[in-house]
Protein backbone atom coordinates (compact mmCIF):
# COMPACT_ATOMS: atom_id res chain seq x y z
CA GLN A 1 90.94 85.46 95.73
CA VAL A 2 90.47 88.85 97.36
CA GLN A 3 92.31 91.72 95.71
CA LEU A 4 92.54 95.42 96.50
CA VAL A 5 94.18 97.55 93.83
CA GLU A 6 95.01 101.20 94.42
CA SER A 7 95.54 103.73 91.65
CA GLY A 8 95.74 107.47 91.12
CA GLY A 9 98.98 108.30 92.86
CA GLY A 10 101.60 110.55 91.35
CA LEU A 11 103.81 113.59 91.72
CA VAL A 12 102.09 116.92 92.36
CA GLN A 13 103.03 120.35 93.62
CA PRO A 14 101.97 121.69 97.02
CA GLY A 15 98.39 122.89 96.97
CA GLU A 16 97.32 120.59 94.17
CA SER A 17 94.86 117.71 94.31
CA LEU A 18 94.78 113.98 93.63
CA THR A 19 92.09 111.34 93.79
CA LEU A 20 93.03 107.82 94.80
CA THR A 21 90.89 104.85 93.86
CA CYS A 22 90.83 101.40 95.42
CA ALA A 23 89.05 98.72 93.44
CA THR A 24 88.26 95.47 95.19
CA SER A 25 87.48 92.07 93.75
CA GLY A 26 87.07 88.51 94.89
CA ARG A 27 84.19 89.17 97.22
CA THR A 28 81.61 91.78 98.08
CA PHE A 29 82.67 94.30 100.69
CA SER A 30 79.46 96.30 100.78
CA SER A 31 78.96 95.48 104.49
CA TYR A 32 82.61 96.08 105.43
CA ALA A 33 84.44 99.20 106.50
CA MET A 34 87.11 100.53 104.15
CA GLY A 35 90.07 102.63 105.08
CA TRP A 36 93.05 104.52 103.74
CA PHE A 37 96.43 104.46 105.44
CA ARG A 38 99.82 105.82 104.47
CA GLN A 39 103.45 105.10 105.15
CA ALA A 40 106.30 107.51 104.62
CA PRO A 41 109.91 106.32 104.38
CA GLY A 42 111.26 105.42 107.80
CA LYS A 43 107.90 105.86 109.49
CA GLU A 44 105.16 103.56 110.66
CA ARG A 45 101.99 103.11 108.70
CA GLU A 46 99.39 105.61 109.88
CA PHE A 47 95.67 106.11 109.59
CA VAL A 48 94.29 108.59 107.09
CA ALA A 49 90.53 108.02 106.76
CA ALA A 50 87.89 105.33 106.99
CA ILE A 51 84.29 104.84 105.94
CA SER A 52 81.73 102.36 107.19
CA TRP A 53 79.38 100.45 104.94
CA TYR A 54 76.65 102.94 105.87
CA HIS A 55 78.95 105.83 104.85
CA SER A 56 79.90 107.10 108.30
CA THR A 57 83.40 108.59 108.04
CA ASN A 58 86.30 109.49 110.27
CA TYR A 59 89.58 111.22 109.52
CA ALA A 60 92.97 111.75 111.03
CA ASP A 61 93.37 115.28 112.33
CA TYR A 62 96.21 116.01 109.92
CA VAL A 63 93.96 115.49 106.85
CA LYS A 64 90.63 116.67 108.21
CA GLY A 65 89.17 119.37 106.01
CA ARG A 66 91.50 118.53 103.11
CA PHE A 67 90.77 114.86 102.33
CA THR A 68 87.43 113.22 101.61
CA ILE A 69 86.77 109.49 101.64
CA SER A 70 83.83 108.01 99.77
CA ARG A 71 82.70 104.65 98.49
CA ASP A 72 80.55 103.12 95.81
CA ASN A 73 79.19 99.84 97.14
CA ALA A 74 77.81 98.84 93.75
CA LYS A 75 81.35 99.02 92.34
CA ASN A 76 83.14 97.72 95.46
CA THR A 77 85.33 100.80 95.24
CA VAL A 78 86.59 103.37 97.72
CA TYR A 79 88.00 106.79 96.87
CA LEU A 80 90.19 109.33 98.58
CA GLN A 81 89.95 112.88 97.30
CA MET A 82 93.01 114.78 98.47
CA ASN A 83 93.03 118.57 98.21
CA SER A 84 95.55 121.18 99.32
CA LEU A 85 98.32 118.60 99.36
CA LYS A 86 101.40 119.31 101.44
CA PRO A 87 104.92 117.89 101.23
CA GLU A 88 104.25 116.03 104.48
CA ASP A 89 101.50 114.09 102.71
CA THR A 90 104.18 112.32 100.68
CA ALA A 91 103.87 108.57 101.32
CA VAL A 92 102.72 105.28 99.91
CA TYR A 93 98.94 105.15 100.34
CA TYR A 94 97.22 101.86 101.07
CA CYS A 95 93.57 100.89 101.12
CA ALA A 96 92.30 98.26 103.50
CA VAL A 97 89.09 96.48 104.41
CA ARG A 98 87.73 95.16 107.68
CA PRO A 99 84.43 93.73 108.86
CA GLY A 100 82.32 95.89 111.12
CA SER A 101 82.63 99.59 111.74
CA ALA A 102 85.30 101.97 110.52
CA SER A 103 88.47 101.98 112.58
CA ASP A 104 91.75 103.88 112.75
CA SER A 105 93.63 100.78 113.88
CA VAL A 106 96.08 99.38 111.35
CA GLY A 107 95.98 95.95 112.94
CA SER A 108 92.22 95.61 112.71
CA TYR A 109 92.21 95.52 108.90
CA GLY A 110 92.62 92.11 107.32
CA TYR A 111 92.81 92.89 103.62
CA TRP A 112 95.32 95.31 102.11
CA GLY A 113 96.27 96.62 98.70
CA GLN A 114 99.80 96.96 97.40
CA GLY A 115 99.87 100.75 97.72
CA THR A 116 100.22 103.73 95.42
CA GLN A 117 102.90 106.40 95.73
CA VAL A 118 101.96 110.02 96.35
CA ALA A 119 104.72 112.61 96.18
CA VAL A 120 104.16 116.29 96.90
CA SER A 121 107.06 118.49 95.96
CA SER A 122 107.81 121.80 94.29
């Protein structure tokens, strides 16, 4: 059974940092792309960042320069380092996996975690 489990969310003040972790199990995703998405209350789920199996990355414009995605294929784990957090970054963050190259399309990812809450507030 494939499982993706996110962790590392929490409540922080503007300007602070958090690192999210997504641990996968049930199969090896070393040749899959992995992505992070987020969903704020009342809004649609949106793309944050993605990384291919060969470590090529892409980011949404609203996190570029502040967030960094990385992966450890040996551990089947993907990370999201979030710096200079803003109140508008508040959302539930989800990791997801898809075969092939990294994508910003929500619908192209077949495996999803349950999400971890990130709240940025003073």
